Amino acid sequence: MEWNPVDDAAHEPLPYPFIVVELILVRHGLPVRKENTDGPADPELSIDGHAQAALFASYIMSEDIDAIYSSPLRRAVQTAEPLSAAIGIEPILVPGIAEWDQHSNEYIPVEELKAANDPRWLEMAKGGFNSDEIPEDFHNRVLAAIEEIIDKHKGDTVVVTCHGGVINDYLAHILGISSSQFFYPNYTSIHRIAASSSGHRSILSINETSHLRGSGLPTGLFHA
């Protein structure tokens, strides 16, 4: 995709066209609950999560997708699979966009923590970061991984299935806000970014969930 910015003074296109990447970040579907496992929990999608991923694929496959990337965690990979099968593009796994809790031996969906008034939910609501990775390291690897994807796909539309923490961190970076976990992305929510070859990043949409409307499937903390 080429975009010729206009010189506001002359009302004419500038001589240097920018190549724009449309980056589509997608949170994974609803995973199963896993606790106190031997090693990282790395949960797979629940039945509802697989249904969410199928609806996402049906919704987005009509767009001209050039590449699919995914976190290596199972819930993200399985979210990419229906779209991959529908358009015949294999997902490329990127360790840099794994979630901050990737090494945790438990995974409890945040909705369950909130319903039980679990102290861990209250800590998360305050911006807590319970990980063996410090926030600065998490931010640096997420930013490096996403920017590398952008650099490889000038002019393309790219889908990236990943995680709520990753999406929060990258959008916060674009917005220039200090809190890297500032909102709640719903399951299989879509977040669109236009990334120009000049280095400019623009957020086009946040938390699209039109594909889940009327499905009866859970969306997360906020209903579609």
Protein backbone atom coordinates (compact mmCIF):
# COMPACT_ATOMS: atom_id res chain seq x y z
CA MET A 1 0.00 0.00 0.00
CA GLU A 2 1.46 3.37 -1.06
CA TRP A 3 0.42 6.67 0.47
CA ASN A 4 1.48 10.08 -0.79
CA PRO A 5 1.14 12.57 2.06
CA VAL A 6 -0.10 16.03 1.08
CA ASP A 7 1.86 19.21 1.70
CA ASP A 8 -0.76 21.26 3.54
CA ALA A 9 0.71 24.54 2.31
CA ALA A 10 0.83 23.67 -1.38
CA HIS A 11 -2.06 21.16 -1.32
CA GLU A 12 0.01 18.87 -3.48
CA PRO A 13 1.43 15.40 -2.86
CA LEU A 14 4.94 15.35 -1.51
CA PRO A 15 7.50 13.70 -3.82
CA TYR A 16 8.28 10.87 -1.35
CA PRO A 17 5.57 8.19 -1.18
CA PHE A 18 5.38 6.22 2.05
CA ILE A 19 4.90 2.46 1.98
CA VAL A 20 2.29 1.50 4.59
CA VAL A 21 1.91 -1.83 6.37
CA GLU A 22 -1.50 -2.66 7.82
CA LEU A 23 -0.72 -4.58 10.98
CA ILE A 24 -3.65 -6.53 12.44
CA LEU A 25 -2.97 -7.60 16.03
CA VAL A 26 -5.41 -10.23 17.31
CA ARG A 27 -5.78 -11.49 20.84
CA HIS A 28 -6.14 -15.27 21.15
CA GLY A 29 -9.45 -16.99 21.87
CA LEU A 30 -10.58 -18.15 25.31
CA PRO A 31 -8.16 -20.76 26.74
CA VAL A 32 -8.84 -23.53 29.23
CA ARG A 33 -7.86 -23.11 32.87
CA LYS A 34 -4.62 -24.81 33.91
CA GLU A 35 -3.09 -24.70 37.39
CA ASN A 36 0.06 -25.96 39.07
CA THR A 37 1.38 -27.87 36.10
CA ASP A 38 4.86 -29.37 35.88
CA GLY A 39 6.45 -26.65 33.81
CA PRO A 40 4.75 -23.79 31.90
CA ALA A 41 0.96 -24.09 31.74
CA ASP A 42 0.70 -23.01 28.06
CA PRO A 43 -3.05 -23.73 27.84
CA GLU A 44 -4.84 -24.69 24.66
CA LEU A 45 -8.06 -23.05 23.50
CA SER A 46 -11.35 -24.04 25.09
CA ILE A 47 -14.31 -25.17 22.95
CA ASP A 48 -15.54 -21.58 22.96
CA GLY A 49 -12.06 -20.37 22.07
CA HIS A 50 -11.95 -22.56 18.97
CA ALA A 51 -15.39 -21.24 17.95
CA GLN A 52 -14.17 -17.66 18.42
CA ALA A 53 -11.12 -18.36 16.25
CA ALA A 54 -13.33 -19.83 13.51
CA LEU A 55 -15.57 -16.74 13.50
CA PHE A 56 -12.52 -14.48 13.39
CA ALA A 57 -11.18 -16.39 10.37
CA SER A 58 -14.52 -16.13 8.54
CA TYR A 59 -14.61 -12.39 9.23
CA ILE A 60 -11.05 -11.47 8.25
CA MET A 61 -10.40 -13.89 5.37
CA SER A 62 -12.12 -11.62 2.85
CA GLU A 63 -9.33 -9.07 3.35
CA ASP A 64 -6.15 -9.35 1.32
CA ILE A 65 -3.90 -10.98 3.93
CA ASP A 66 -0.28 -11.37 2.88
CA ALA A 67 1.21 -13.05 5.96
CA ILE A 68 0.28 -14.55 9.33
CA TYR A 69 2.49 -14.43 12.40
CA SER A 70 1.82 -15.97 15.79
CA SER A 71 3.17 -16.19 19.28
CA PRO A 72 4.49 -19.73 19.85
CA LEU A 73 2.10 -20.24 22.78
CA ARG A 74 -0.65 -22.75 21.99
CA ARG A 75 -3.60 -20.42 22.52
CA ALA A 76 -2.21 -18.01 19.92
CA VAL A 77 -1.19 -20.72 17.42
CA GLN A 78 -4.62 -22.34 17.60
CA THR A 79 -6.27 -18.96 17.05
CA ALA A 80 -4.32 -18.57 13.81
CA GLU A 81 -5.07 -22.07 12.51
CA PRO A 82 -8.58 -21.52 11.03
CA LEU A 83 -7.42 -18.46 9.10
CA SER A 84 -4.29 -20.29 7.96
CA ALA A 85 -6.39 -23.17 6.64
CA ALA A 86 -8.84 -20.84 4.92
CA ILE A 87 -6.29 -18.74 2.99
CA GLY A 88 -3.45 -21.24 2.66
CA ILE A 89 -0.76 -19.25 4.50
CA GLU A 90 1.26 -20.92 7.25
CA PRO A 91 1.76 -18.90 10.43
CA ILE A 92 5.33 -17.90 11.27
CA LEU A 93 6.06 -18.33 14.99
CA VAL A 94 7.78 -15.41 16.73
CA PRO A 95 9.05 -15.95 20.30
CA GLY A 96 9.29 -12.18 20.82
CA ILE A 97 5.49 -11.80 20.91
CA ALA A 98 4.87 -14.46 23.58
CA GLU A 99 2.97 -13.21 26.64
CA TRP A 100 4.73 -11.99 29.79
CA ASP A 101 3.38 -15.01 31.74
CA GLN A 102 4.71 -17.58 29.26
CA HIS A 103 6.73 -19.41 31.94
CA SER A 104 4.00 -19.47 34.59
CA ASN A 105 2.83 -22.87 35.80
CA GLU A 106 -0.80 -21.72 35.88
CA TYR A 107 -3.25 -19.91 33.65
CA ILE A 108 -6.60 -18.71 34.95
CA PRO A 109 -8.76 -16.57 32.65
CA VAL A 110 -9.04 -13.10 34.14
CA GLU A 111 -12.86 -13.30 34.05
CA GLU A 112 -12.73 -16.18 36.52
CA LEU A 113 -10.39 -14.23 38.79
CA LYS A 114 -12.71 -11.24 38.71
CA ALA A 115 -15.84 -13.32 39.37
CA ALA A 116 -14.18 -14.84 42.44
CA ASN A 117 -12.84 -11.44 43.59
CA ASP A 118 -9.44 -13.11 43.62
CA PRO A 119 -6.62 -10.88 44.95
CA ARG A 120 -4.71 -11.59 41.73
CA TRP A 121 -7.46 -9.84 39.77
CA LEU A 122 -7.25 -6.80 42.03
CA GLU A 123 -3.49 -6.71 41.53
CA MET A 124 -3.90 -6.91 37.75
CA ALA A 125 -6.53 -4.15 37.82
CA LYS A 126 -3.95 -1.93 39.52
CA GLY A 127 -1.46 -2.61 36.74
CA GLY A 128 0.45 -5.38 38.52
CA PHE A 129 2.97 -7.36 36.47
CA ASN A 130 3.47 -10.85 37.87
CA SER A 131 6.23 -12.28 35.73
CA ASP A 132 9.79 -13.56 35.91
CA GLU A 133 10.56 -11.00 33.19
CA ILE A 134 10.89 -7.34 34.14
CA PRO A 135 8.54 -4.93 32.31
CA GLU A 136 11.40 -3.19 30.49
CA ASP A 137 12.67 -6.47 29.02
CA PHE A 138 9.14 -7.47 28.02
CA HIS A 139 8.60 -4.13 26.28
CA ASN A 140 11.92 -4.28 24.45
CA ARG A 141 11.39 -7.77 23.04
CA VAL A 142 7.78 -7.04 22.00
CA LEU A 143 8.76 -3.80 20.29
CA ALA A 144 11.71 -5.38 18.50
CA ALA A 145 9.65 -8.36 17.31
CA ILE A 146 6.74 -6.31 15.97
CA GLU A 147 8.97 -3.76 14.27
CA GLU A 148 10.88 -6.58 12.58
CA ILE A 149 7.59 -7.96 11.22
CA ILE A 150 6.72 -4.51 9.87
CA ASP A 151 10.14 -4.14 8.23
CA LYS A 152 9.68 -7.44 6.38
CA HIS A 153 6.27 -6.59 4.92
CA LYS A 154 6.29 -3.14 3.37
CA GLY A 155 2.99 -2.59 1.57
CA ASP A 156 1.42 -5.76 3.00
CA THR A 157 -1.45 -6.59 5.31
CA VAL A 158 -0.24 -8.82 8.13
CA VAL A 159 -2.18 -10.67 10.83
CA VAL A 160 -0.44 -11.32 14.16
CA THR A 161 -2.15 -13.58 16.71
CA CYS A 162 -0.81 -12.82 20.15
CA HIS A 163 -1.82 -11.74 23.66
CA GLY A 164 -3.47 -9.01 25.67
CA GLY A 165 -0.24 -7.92 27.31
CA VAL A 166 1.57 -7.72 23.97
CA ILE A 167 -1.23 -5.69 22.38
CA ASN A 168 -1.37 -3.34 25.38
CA ASP A 169 2.36 -2.78 25.33
CA TYR A 170 2.61 -1.99 21.63
CA LEU A 171 -0.42 0.30 21.53
CA ALA A 172 0.81 2.13 24.65
CA HIS A 173 4.12 2.64 22.86
CA ILE A 174 2.36 4.21 19.86
CA LEU A 175 0.21 6.41 22.10
CA GLY A 176 3.18 7.45 24.22
CA ILE A 177 1.49 6.65 27.52
CA SER A 178 3.31 5.45 30.60
CA SER A 179 1.00 2.56 31.53
CA SER A 180 1.84 -0.39 29.30
CA GLN A 181 -1.29 -2.30 30.41
CA PHE A 182 -4.02 0.30 30.02
CA PHE A 183 -7.07 -1.54 28.62
CA TYR A 184 -8.65 -4.98 28.28
CA PRO A 185 -8.56 -6.63 24.82
CA ASN A 186 -11.47 -9.02 24.32
CA TYR A 187 -10.98 -12.56 23.02
CA THR A 188 -10.14 -12.59 19.28
CA SER A 189 -10.41 -8.79 19.30
CA ILE A 190 -8.83 -7.00 16.33
CA HIS A 191 -6.50 -4.02 16.65
CA ARG A 192 -5.37 -2.31 13.44
CA ILE A 193 -2.22 -0.23 13.03
CA ALA A 194 -0.97 1.60 9.95
CA ALA A 195 2.84 1.57 9.93
CA SER A 196 4.56 3.78 7.37
CA SER A 197 8.07 3.34 6.01
CA SER A 198 8.88 6.77 7.47
CA GLY A 199 8.50 5.27 10.97
CA HIS A 200 5.08 6.76 11.74
CA ARG A 201 2.59 4.48 13.50
CA SER A 202 -1.17 5.19 13.59
CA ILE A 203 -3.85 3.23 15.45
CA LEU A 204 -6.81 2.62 13.14
CA SER A 205 -9.02 0.60 15.50
CA ILE A 206 -9.01 -1.01 18.93
CA ASN A 207 -11.02 -3.99 20.21
CA GLU A 208 -13.03 -4.83 17.09
CA THR A 209 -15.33 -7.75 17.94
CA SER A 210 -18.03 -7.53 15.27
CA HIS A 211 -17.43 -11.16 14.34
CA LEU A 212 -18.64 -12.27 17.79
CA ARG A 213 -21.90 -10.31 17.83
CA GLY A 214 -24.94 -12.55 18.15
CA SER A 215 -22.81 -15.67 18.52
CA GLY A 216 -23.54 -16.21 22.20
CA LEU A 217 -19.83 -16.76 22.77
CA PRO A 218 -18.01 -15.06 25.64
CA THR A 219 -15.93 -12.07 24.67
CA GLY A 220 -14.15 -11.29 27.93
CA LEU A 221 -14.83 -8.58 30.47
CA PHE A 222 -16.76 -6.47 27.96
CA HIS A 223 -19.59 -7.78 25.81
CA ALA A 224 -19.62 -7.37 22.06
